[in-house]
Amino acid sequence: MSRYELMTIVDAALSEEKAKALSKEIQTNIESLNGKITKSDFWGKRKLAYEIGSAREGFYDVTQFELEPENLEKLKTKIKLMENVTRYLVTALS
């Protein structure tokens, strides 16, 4: 398995509880693809570095996980289909 880090920015119009629930849903998706969560850190609501659409803020979440490389595209597809995810970035860890 390869190690990855996922940073997601969730729509700030949601409540913090709903943003955390969405983060948990993403973690569940990782586990459903036989991945393993190694670290999760919910940063809360923060100002964006630049405006995305009309959004100036978002809820940030960083998750480190292990996943087979062939399942990474499946995970990305699931995240893309999530309505309230403003942006996400997956990076490989060495």
N, C-alpha and C. Protein backbone atom coordinates (compact mmCIF):
# COMPACT_ATOMS: atom_id res chain seq x y z
N MET A 1 0.84 -1.19 0.00
CA MET A 1 0.00 0.00 0.00
C MET A 1 0.88 1.24 0.00
N SER A 2 0.39 2.27 -0.66
CA SER A 2 1.09 3.55 -0.71
C SER A 2 0.47 4.50 0.30
N ARG A 3 1.27 5.47 0.74
CA ARG A 3 0.80 6.46 1.71
C ARG A 3 0.43 7.75 0.99
N TYR A 4 -0.69 8.35 1.41
CA TYR A 4 -1.18 9.57 0.79
C TYR A 4 -1.66 10.54 1.86
N GLU A 5 -1.75 11.81 1.44
CA GLU A 5 -2.37 12.84 2.28
C GLU A 5 -3.45 13.51 1.44
N LEU A 6 -4.61 13.66 2.03
CA LEU A 6 -5.75 14.29 1.37
C LEU A 6 -6.14 15.55 2.13
N MET A 7 -6.14 16.68 1.44
CA MET A 7 -6.65 17.91 2.04
C MET A 7 -7.95 18.25 1.32
N THR A 8 -9.00 18.46 2.09
CA THR A 8 -10.28 18.86 1.51
C THR A 8 -10.70 20.20 2.08
N ILE A 9 -11.36 20.97 1.24
CA ILE A 9 -11.99 22.22 1.66
C ILE A 9 -13.48 22.06 1.39
N VAL A 10 -14.26 22.22 2.46
CA VAL A 10 -15.70 22.01 2.40
C VAL A 10 -16.39 23.37 2.48
N ASP A 11 -17.51 23.49 1.80
CA ASP A 11 -18.31 24.71 1.76
C ASP A 11 -18.56 25.27 3.16
N ALA A 12 -18.20 26.54 3.37
CA ALA A 12 -18.36 27.18 4.67
C ALA A 12 -19.81 27.46 5.03
N ALA A 13 -20.73 27.33 4.07
CA ALA A 13 -22.15 27.54 4.36
C ALA A 13 -22.71 26.41 5.22
N LEU A 14 -22.03 25.29 5.26
CA LEU A 14 -22.45 24.17 6.11
C LEU A 14 -22.14 24.47 7.57
N SER A 15 -22.82 23.80 8.46
CA SER A 15 -22.46 23.90 9.88
C SER A 15 -21.18 23.08 10.10
N GLU A 16 -20.51 23.35 11.20
CA GLU A 16 -19.29 22.61 11.50
C GLU A 16 -19.59 21.12 11.67
N GLU A 17 -20.73 20.80 12.26
CA GLU A 17 -21.12 19.39 12.44
C GLU A 17 -21.26 18.68 11.09
N LYS A 18 -21.89 19.36 10.13
CA LYS A 18 -22.07 18.75 8.81
C LYS A 18 -20.75 18.62 8.07
N ALA A 19 -19.86 19.60 8.27
CA ALA A 19 -18.53 19.52 7.64
C ALA A 19 -17.75 18.34 8.21
N LYS A 20 -17.85 18.14 9.52
CA LYS A 20 -17.18 16.99 10.15
C LYS A 20 -17.79 15.68 9.66
N ALA A 21 -19.10 15.66 9.48
CA ALA A 21 -19.77 14.45 8.98
C ALA A 21 -19.31 14.13 7.56
N LEU A 22 -19.11 15.16 6.74
CA LEU A 22 -18.61 14.95 5.38
C LEU A 22 -17.18 14.40 5.41
N SER A 23 -16.38 14.92 6.33
CA SER A 23 -15.02 14.41 6.51
C SER A 23 -15.05 12.93 6.90
N LYS A 24 -15.96 12.58 7.79
CA LYS A 24 -16.10 11.18 8.22
C LYS A 24 -16.56 10.31 7.04
N GLU A 25 -17.42 10.86 6.19
CA GLU A 25 -17.89 10.12 5.01
C GLU A 25 -16.73 9.82 4.06
N ILE A 26 -15.84 10.79 3.90
CA ILE A 26 -14.66 10.57 3.05
C ILE A 26 -13.78 9.47 3.64
N GLN A 27 -13.59 9.50 4.97
CA GLN A 27 -12.80 8.46 5.62
C GLN A 27 -13.45 7.09 5.45
N THR A 28 -14.77 7.03 5.52
CA THR A 28 -15.49 5.78 5.30
C THR A 28 -15.27 5.28 3.88
N ASN A 29 -15.25 6.21 2.91
CA ASN A 29 -14.97 5.84 1.52
C ASN A 29 -13.57 5.24 1.37
N ILE A 30 -12.60 5.82 2.07
CA ILE A 30 -11.23 5.30 2.03
C ILE A 30 -11.22 3.87 2.57
N GLU A 31 -11.88 3.68 3.71
CA GLU A 31 -11.91 2.35 4.32
C GLU A 31 -12.67 1.34 3.47
N SER A 32 -13.70 1.80 2.75
CA SER A 32 -14.46 0.89 1.88
C SER A 32 -13.63 0.40 0.69
N LEU A 33 -12.57 1.14 0.37
CA LEU A 33 -11.65 0.75 -0.70
C LEU A 33 -10.44 0.00 -0.13
N ASN A 34 -10.61 -0.55 1.07
CA ASN A 34 -9.56 -1.30 1.77
C ASN A 34 -8.37 -0.44 2.16
N GLY A 35 -8.62 0.85 2.40
CA GLY A 35 -7.59 1.75 2.86
C GLY A 35 -7.56 1.81 4.37
N LYS A 36 -6.51 2.44 4.90
CA LYS A 36 -6.35 2.56 6.35
C LYS A 36 -6.03 4.01 6.68
N ILE A 37 -6.83 4.61 7.57
CA ILE A 37 -6.60 5.99 8.01
C ILE A 37 -5.47 5.96 9.04
N THR A 38 -4.43 6.77 8.82
CA THR A 38 -3.33 6.83 9.77
C THR A 38 -3.35 8.10 10.61
N LYS A 39 -3.96 9.17 10.08
CA LYS A 39 -4.04 10.42 10.83
C LYS A 39 -5.15 11.27 10.23
N SER A 40 -5.90 11.93 11.11
CA SER A 40 -6.96 12.82 10.65
C SER A 40 -6.91 14.09 11.48
N ASP A 41 -7.00 15.24 10.81
CA ASP A 41 -6.91 16.52 11.50
C ASP A 41 -7.90 17.50 10.89
N PHE A 42 -8.96 17.83 11.62
CA PHE A 42 -9.96 18.78 11.18
C PHE A 42 -9.52 20.17 11.63
N TRP A 43 -9.24 21.06 10.69
CA TRP A 43 -8.72 22.38 11.02
C TRP A 43 -9.81 23.40 11.32
N GLY A 44 -11.03 23.12 10.93
CA GLY A 44 -12.13 24.06 11.15
C GLY A 44 -12.23 25.08 10.02
N LYS A 45 -13.00 26.14 10.28
CA LYS A 45 -13.24 27.16 9.25
C LYS A 45 -12.05 28.11 9.17
N ARG A 46 -11.58 28.30 7.94
CA ARG A 46 -10.44 29.20 7.70
C ARG A 46 -10.71 30.03 6.45
N LYS A 47 -10.03 31.15 6.39
CA LYS A 47 -10.10 32.00 5.20
C LYS A 47 -9.33 31.32 4.08
N LEU A 48 -9.89 31.36 2.87
CA LEU A 48 -9.21 30.79 1.70
C LEU A 48 -8.08 31.71 1.26
N ALA A 49 -7.07 31.15 0.66
CA ALA A 49 -5.94 31.94 0.15
C ALA A 49 -6.41 32.87 -0.97
N TYR A 50 -7.41 32.42 -1.73
CA TYR A 50 -8.01 33.22 -2.79
C TYR A 50 -9.46 32.81 -2.92
N GLU A 51 -10.25 33.68 -3.49
CA GLU A 51 -11.67 33.41 -3.64
C GLU A 51 -11.90 32.28 -4.65
N ILE A 52 -12.76 31.33 -4.29
CA ILE A 52 -13.14 30.23 -5.19
C ILE A 52 -14.62 30.42 -5.48
N GLY A 53 -14.94 30.81 -6.70
CA GLY A 53 -16.32 31.19 -7.00
C GLY A 53 -16.64 32.42 -6.17
N SER A 54 -17.62 32.34 -5.31
CA SER A 54 -17.92 33.45 -4.41
C SER A 54 -17.50 33.13 -2.98
N ALA A 55 -16.87 31.97 -2.77
CA ALA A 55 -16.47 31.54 -1.43
C ALA A 55 -15.18 32.22 -0.98
N ARG A 56 -15.19 32.68 0.25
CA ARG A 56 -14.00 33.28 0.84
C ARG A 56 -13.47 32.46 2.02
N GLU A 57 -14.30 31.52 2.50
CA GLU A 57 -13.93 30.67 3.62
C GLU A 57 -14.31 29.22 3.32
N GLY A 58 -13.73 28.32 4.08
CA GLY A 58 -14.08 26.91 3.95
C GLY A 58 -13.59 26.14 5.16
N PHE A 59 -14.15 24.96 5.36
CA PHE A 59 -13.69 24.07 6.42
C PHE A 59 -12.58 23.19 5.85
N TYR A 60 -11.44 23.22 6.52
CA TYR A 60 -10.28 22.45 6.07
C TYR A 60 -10.17 21.15 6.86
N ASP A 61 -9.81 20.08 6.16
CA ASP A 61 -9.59 18.79 6.80
C ASP A 61 -8.41 18.12 6.11
N VAL A 62 -7.50 17.55 6.90
CA VAL A 62 -6.34 16.85 6.36
C VAL A 62 -6.37 15.42 6.89
N THR A 63 -6.29 14.46 5.98
CA THR A 63 -6.31 13.04 6.34
C THR A 63 -5.14 12.33 5.69
N GLN A 64 -4.38 11.61 6.48
CA GLN A 64 -3.32 10.76 5.94
C GLN A 64 -3.83 9.33 5.96
N PHE A 65 -3.52 8.60 4.89
CA PHE A 65 -4.05 7.25 4.77
C PHE A 65 -3.15 6.39 3.90
N GLU A 66 -3.37 5.08 3.99
CA GLU A 66 -2.69 4.11 3.13
C GLU A 66 -3.74 3.49 2.23
N LEU A 67 -3.40 3.34 0.95
CA LEU A 67 -4.35 2.81 -0.03
C LEU A 67 -3.58 2.20 -1.19
N GLU A 68 -4.13 1.15 -1.75
CA GLU A 68 -3.54 0.56 -2.95
C GLU A 68 -3.65 1.58 -4.09
N PRO A 69 -2.58 1.80 -4.85
CA PRO A 69 -2.60 2.81 -5.92
C PRO A 69 -3.74 2.65 -6.92
N GLU A 70 -4.13 1.41 -7.21
CA GLU A 70 -5.21 1.21 -8.19
C GLU A 70 -6.57 1.69 -7.67
N ASN A 71 -6.69 1.91 -6.36
CA ASN A 71 -7.96 2.40 -5.79
C ASN A 71 -8.01 3.92 -5.65
N LEU A 72 -6.90 4.59 -5.93
CA LEU A 72 -6.85 6.03 -5.75
C LEU A 72 -7.81 6.76 -6.68
N GLU A 73 -7.88 6.36 -7.94
CA GLU A 73 -8.80 7.01 -8.88
C GLU A 73 -10.26 6.80 -8.47
N LYS A 74 -10.57 5.65 -7.91
CA LYS A 74 -11.93 5.39 -7.42
C LYS A 74 -12.28 6.36 -6.29
N LEU A 75 -11.31 6.59 -5.40
CA LEU A 75 -11.53 7.53 -4.30
C LEU A 75 -11.73 8.95 -4.84
N LYS A 76 -10.88 9.36 -5.77
CA LYS A 76 -11.01 10.70 -6.35
C LYS A 76 -12.37 10.89 -7.01
N THR A 77 -12.85 9.87 -7.70
CA THR A 77 -14.16 9.95 -8.34
C THR A 77 -15.26 10.15 -7.30
N LYS A 78 -15.17 9.42 -6.20
CA LYS A 78 -16.17 9.56 -5.13
C LYS A 78 -16.15 10.97 -4.54
N ILE A 79 -14.96 11.52 -4.35
CA ILE A 79 -14.85 12.86 -3.78
C ILE A 79 -15.39 13.90 -4.76
N LYS A 80 -15.09 13.75 -6.05
CA LYS A 80 -15.59 14.70 -7.06
C LYS A 80 -17.11 14.76 -7.08
N LEU A 81 -17.77 13.65 -6.76
CA LEU A 81 -19.23 13.59 -6.79
C LEU A 81 -19.88 14.15 -5.52
N MET A 82 -19.07 14.48 -4.52
CA MET A 82 -19.61 15.04 -3.28
C MET A 82 -19.95 16.52 -3.49
N GLU A 83 -21.18 16.85 -3.23
CA GLU A 83 -21.72 18.17 -3.56
C GLU A 83 -21.03 19.33 -2.84
N ASN A 84 -20.70 19.18 -1.57
CA ASN A 84 -20.20 20.30 -0.78
C ASN A 84 -18.68 20.39 -0.66
N VAL A 85 -17.95 19.55 -1.40
CA VAL A 85 -16.49 19.64 -1.41
C VAL A 85 -16.11 20.71 -2.42
N THR A 86 -15.51 21.80 -1.92
CA THR A 86 -15.12 22.91 -2.78
C THR A 86 -13.85 22.58 -3.56
N ARG A 87 -12.86 22.04 -2.86
CA ARG A 87 -11.59 21.65 -3.47
C ARG A 87 -11.01 20.48 -2.69
N TYR A 88 -10.16 19.70 -3.37
CA TYR A 88 -9.42 18.65 -2.68
C TYR A 88 -8.09 18.46 -3.37
N LEU A 89 -7.13 17.92 -2.64
CA LEU A 89 -5.81 17.64 -3.19
C LEU A 89 -5.27 16.38 -2.52
N VAL A 90 -4.86 15.43 -3.34
CA VAL A 90 -4.24 14.20 -2.84
C VAL A 90 -2.77 14.25 -3.23
N THR A 91 -1.90 14.07 -2.24
CA THR A 91 -0.46 14.02 -2.51
C THR A 91 0.09 12.71 -1.97
N ALA A 92 1.09 12.18 -2.66
CA ALA A 92 1.75 10.95 -2.22
C ALA A 92 2.80 11.31 -1.17
N LEU A 93 2.86 10.54 -0.11
CA LEU A 93 3.87 10.73 0.93
C LEU A 93 4.98 9.72 0.71
N SER A 94 6.20 10.14 1.01
CA SER A 94 7.33 9.21 0.82
C SER A 94 7.58 8.39 2.06
